[in-house]
């Protein structure tokens, strides 16, 4: 098992066949371009410890499912509208209103499902 507190640019470079990724507890920040380079990445699970997702962190991947395991929404700066239209946001049971009420960009997801 690998433990990361931050993911830096190029973290997934060359992961051409990666379709699903569960990131470790303790991870706090996903920096710009860190999850770029995995052209088949469709499902991503973020830990409860995530605090910030930078604007270009998820650039150039076909993400369809984003699972957040934190009841408190991390700060997110994604500006790519295609994510909100095609990606389903999964949040913990009982936390959907927290994500909606915090505003920011979380409310732009067309589909938010509690799990």
C-alpha atoms as a PDB file:
ATOM      1  CA  UNK A   1       0.000   0.000   0.000  1.00  0.00           C
ATOM      2  CA  UNK A   2       1.147   3.505  -0.783  1.00  0.00           C
ATOM      3  CA  UNK A   3       0.371   6.519   1.385  1.00  0.00           C
ATOM      4  CA  UNK A   4       0.166  10.027  -0.029  1.00  0.00           C
ATOM      5  CA  UNK A   5      -0.737  13.306   1.676  1.00  0.00           C
ATOM      6  CA  UNK A   6      -0.718  15.227  -1.620  1.00  0.00           C
ATOM      7  CA  UNK A   7      -0.851  14.179  -5.266  1.00  0.00           C
ATOM      8  CA  UNK A   8       1.368  16.209  -7.559  1.00  0.00           C
ATOM      9  CA  UNK A   9       1.362  16.869 -11.291  1.00  0.00           C
ATOM     10  CA  UNK A  10       1.875  13.739 -13.354  1.00  0.00           C
ATOM     11  CA  UNK A  11       0.904  11.246 -10.638  1.00  0.00           C
ATOM     12  CA  UNK A  12      -1.032   9.082 -13.119  1.00  0.00           C
ATOM     13  CA  UNK A  13       1.076   9.682 -16.223  1.00  0.00           C
ATOM     14  CA  UNK A  14       1.326   6.475 -18.200  1.00  0.00           C
ATOM     15  CA  UNK A  15      -1.571   4.693 -16.470  1.00  0.00           C
ATOM     16  CA  UNK A  16      -3.250   4.012 -19.787  1.00  0.00           C
ATOM     17  CA  UNK A  17      -5.350   1.027 -18.658  1.00  0.00           C
ATOM     18  CA  UNK A  18      -6.427   2.308 -15.219  1.00  0.00           C
ATOM     19  CA  UNK A  19     -10.235   2.404 -15.011  1.00  0.00           C
ATOM     20  CA  UNK A  20     -10.870   2.745 -11.270  1.00  0.00           C
ATOM     21  CA  UNK A  21      -8.897   4.254  -8.408  1.00  0.00           C
ATOM     22  CA  UNK A  22      -9.445   4.405  -4.647  1.00  0.00           C
ATOM     23  CA  UNK A  23      -7.166   6.966  -3.006  1.00  0.00           C
ATOM     24  CA  UNK A  24      -5.784   6.505   0.489  1.00  0.00           C
ATOM     25  CA  UNK A  25      -7.022   7.950   3.771  1.00  0.00           C
ATOM     26  CA  UNK A  26      -4.694  10.756   4.777  1.00  0.00           C
ATOM     27  CA  UNK A  27      -4.698  12.321   1.315  1.00  0.00           C
ATOM     28  CA  UNK A  28      -5.530  16.017   1.663  1.00  0.00           C
ATOM     29  CA  UNK A  29      -4.775  17.799  -1.631  1.00  0.00           C
ATOM     30  CA  UNK A  30      -5.025  16.815  -5.280  1.00  0.00           C
ATOM     31  CA  UNK A  31      -2.909  19.290  -7.224  1.00  0.00           C
ATOM     32  CA  UNK A  32      -3.342  20.447 -10.817  1.00  0.00           C
ATOM     33  CA  UNK A  33      -2.786  17.777 -13.492  1.00  0.00           C
ATOM     34  CA  UNK A  34      -2.130  15.020 -10.958  1.00  0.00           C
ATOM     35  CA  UNK A  35      -4.883  12.713 -12.250  1.00  0.00           C
ATOM     36  CA  UNK A  36      -4.275  13.518 -15.900  1.00  0.00           C
ATOM     37  CA  UNK A  37      -2.695  10.728 -17.914  1.00  0.00           C
ATOM     38  CA  UNK A  38      -5.228   7.959 -17.259  1.00  0.00           C
ATOM     39  CA  UNK A  39      -7.447   8.119 -20.353  1.00  0.00           C
ATOM     40  CA  UNK A  40      -9.691   5.239 -19.212  1.00  0.00           C
ATOM     41  CA  UNK A  41     -10.247   6.398 -15.621  1.00  0.00           C
ATOM     42  CA  UNK A  42     -14.004   6.221 -15.118  1.00  0.00           C
ATOM     43  CA  UNK A  43     -14.387   5.825 -11.363  1.00  0.00           C
ATOM     44  CA  UNK A  44     -12.581   7.645  -8.567  1.00  0.00           C
ATOM     45  CA  UNK A  45     -13.035   7.348  -4.802  1.00  0.00           C
ATOM     46  CA  UNK A  46     -11.646  10.108  -2.610  1.00  0.00           C
ATOM     47  CA  UNK A  47     -10.930   9.610   1.102  1.00  0.00           C
ATOM     48  CA  UNK A  48     -12.655  11.337   3.995  1.00  0.00           C
ATOM     49  CA  UNK A  49      -9.463  13.327   4.599  1.00  0.00           C
ATOM     50  CA  UNK A  50      -9.518  15.183   1.257  1.00  0.00           C
ATOM     51  CA  UNK A  51      -9.559  18.959   1.749  1.00  0.00           C
ATOM     52  CA  UNK A  52      -8.885  20.435  -1.687  1.00  0.00           C
ATOM     53  CA  UNK A  53      -9.201  19.518  -5.366  1.00  0.00           C
ATOM     54  CA  UNK A  54      -7.400  22.009  -7.580  1.00  0.00           C
ATOM     55  CA  UNK A  55      -8.879  23.314 -10.829  1.00  0.00           C
ATOM     56  CA  UNK A  56      -7.007  21.085 -13.294  1.00  0.00           C
ATOM     57  CA  UNK A  57      -6.655  18.020 -11.065  1.00  0.00           C
ATOM     58  CA  UNK A  58      -9.008  15.853 -13.127  1.00  0.00           C
ATOM     59  CA  UNK A  59      -8.240  17.270 -16.537  1.00  0.00           C
ATOM     60  CA  UNK A  60      -8.451  15.018 -19.606  1.00  0.00           C
ATOM     61  CA  UNK A  61     -10.064  11.903 -18.184  1.00  0.00           C
ATOM     62  CA  UNK A  62     -13.486  10.374 -18.869  1.00  0.00           C
ATOM     63  CA  UNK A  63     -14.605  10.269 -15.233  1.00  0.00           C
ATOM     64  CA  UNK A  64     -18.160   8.956 -14.853  1.00  0.00           C
ATOM     65  CA  UNK A  65     -18.355   8.320 -11.102  1.00  0.00           C
ATOM     66  CA  UNK A  66     -16.831  10.375  -8.297  1.00  0.00           C
ATOM     67  CA  UNK A  67     -17.228   8.951  -4.784  1.00  0.00           C
ATOM     68  CA  UNK A  68     -16.612  11.242  -1.814  1.00  0.00           C
ATOM     69  CA  UNK A  69     -16.337   9.632   1.603  1.00  0.00           C
ATOM     70  CA  UNK A  70     -16.248  12.860   3.583  1.00  0.00           C
ATOM     71  CA  UNK A  71     -19.331  14.389   5.167  1.00  0.00           C
ATOM     72  CA  UNK A  72     -17.638  17.772   4.782  1.00  0.00           C
ATOM     73  CA  UNK A  73     -17.200  18.828   1.151  1.00  0.00           C
ATOM     74  CA  UNK A  74     -13.626  19.624   0.168  1.00  0.00           C
ATOM     75  CA  UNK A  75     -12.855  22.855  -1.614  1.00  0.00           C
ATOM     76  CA  UNK A  76     -13.123  22.256  -5.321  1.00  0.00           C
ATOM     77  CA  UNK A  77     -12.104  24.508  -8.176  1.00  0.00           C
ATOM     78  CA  UNK A  78     -12.981  22.411 -11.253  1.00  0.00           C
ATOM     79  CA  UNK A  79     -14.146  24.612 -14.076  1.00  0.00           C
ATOM     80  CA  UNK A  80     -14.895  21.984 -16.697  1.00  0.00           C
ATOM     81  CA  UNK A  81     -18.632  21.849 -17.279  1.00  0.00           C
ATOM     82  CA  UNK A  82     -18.422  18.424 -18.914  1.00  0.00           C
ATOM     83  CA  UNK A  83     -17.723  16.846 -15.526  1.00  0.00           C
ATOM     84  CA  UNK A  84     -20.967  18.090 -14.067  1.00  0.00           C
ATOM     85  CA  UNK A  85     -23.007  16.775 -16.997  1.00  0.00           C
ATOM     86  CA  UNK A  86     -21.474  13.316 -17.357  1.00  0.00           C
ATOM     87  CA  UNK A  87     -20.124  12.476 -13.912  1.00  0.00           C
ATOM     88  CA  UNK A  88     -22.305  11.179 -11.076  1.00  0.00           C
ATOM     89  CA  UNK A  89     -21.329  12.437  -7.652  1.00  0.00           C
ATOM     90  CA  UNK A  90     -21.735   9.898  -4.833  1.00  0.00           C
ATOM     91  CA  UNK A  91     -21.755  11.208  -1.255  1.00  0.00           C
ATOM     92  CA  UNK A  92     -22.270   9.586   2.125  1.00  0.00           C
ATOM     93  CA  UNK A  93     -25.789   8.877   3.324  1.00  0.00           C
ATOM     94  CA  UNK A  94     -27.181  11.918   5.084  1.00  0.00           C
ATOM     95  CA  UNK A  95     -24.693  14.384   3.598  1.00  0.00           C
ATOM     96  CA  UNK A  96     -26.306  15.422   0.300  1.00  0.00           C
ATOM     97  CA  UNK A  97     -27.747  18.617   1.789  1.00  0.00           C
ATOM     98  CA  UNK A  98     -24.351  19.594   3.172  1.00  0.00           C
ATOM     99  CA  UNK A  99     -22.866  19.400  -0.336  1.00  0.00           C
ATOM    100  CA  UNK A 100     -25.765  21.313  -1.847  1.00  0.00           C
ATOM    101  CA  UNK A 101     -25.866  23.985   0.866  1.00  0.00           C
ATOM    102  CA  UNK A 102     -22.126  24.666   0.810  1.00  0.00           C
ATOM    103  CA  UNK A 103     -22.582  25.869  -2.750  1.00  0.00           C
ATOM    104  CA  UNK A 104     -19.305  26.219  -4.585  1.00  0.00           C
ATOM    105  CA  UNK A 105     -19.260  23.930  -7.588  1.00  0.00           C
ATOM    106  CA  UNK A 106     -20.838  20.909  -5.911  1.00  0.00           C
ATOM    107  CA  UNK A 107     -24.303  22.115  -6.863  1.00  0.00           C
ATOM    108  CA  UNK A 108     -23.416  21.948 -10.572  1.00  0.00           C
ATOM    109  CA  UNK A 109     -23.430  18.143 -10.628  1.00  0.00           C
ATOM    110  CA  UNK A 110     -26.616  17.056 -12.344  1.00  0.00           C
ATOM    111  CA  UNK A 111     -26.697  13.752 -10.452  1.00  0.00           C
ATOM    112  CA  UNK A 112     -25.858  13.493  -6.751  1.00  0.00           C
ATOM    113  CA  UNK A 113     -26.553  10.164  -5.080  1.00  0.00           C
ATOM    114  CA  UNK A 114     -26.220   9.179  -1.449  1.00  0.00           C
ATOM    115  CA  UNK A 115     -24.607   5.825  -0.730  1.00  0.00           C
END
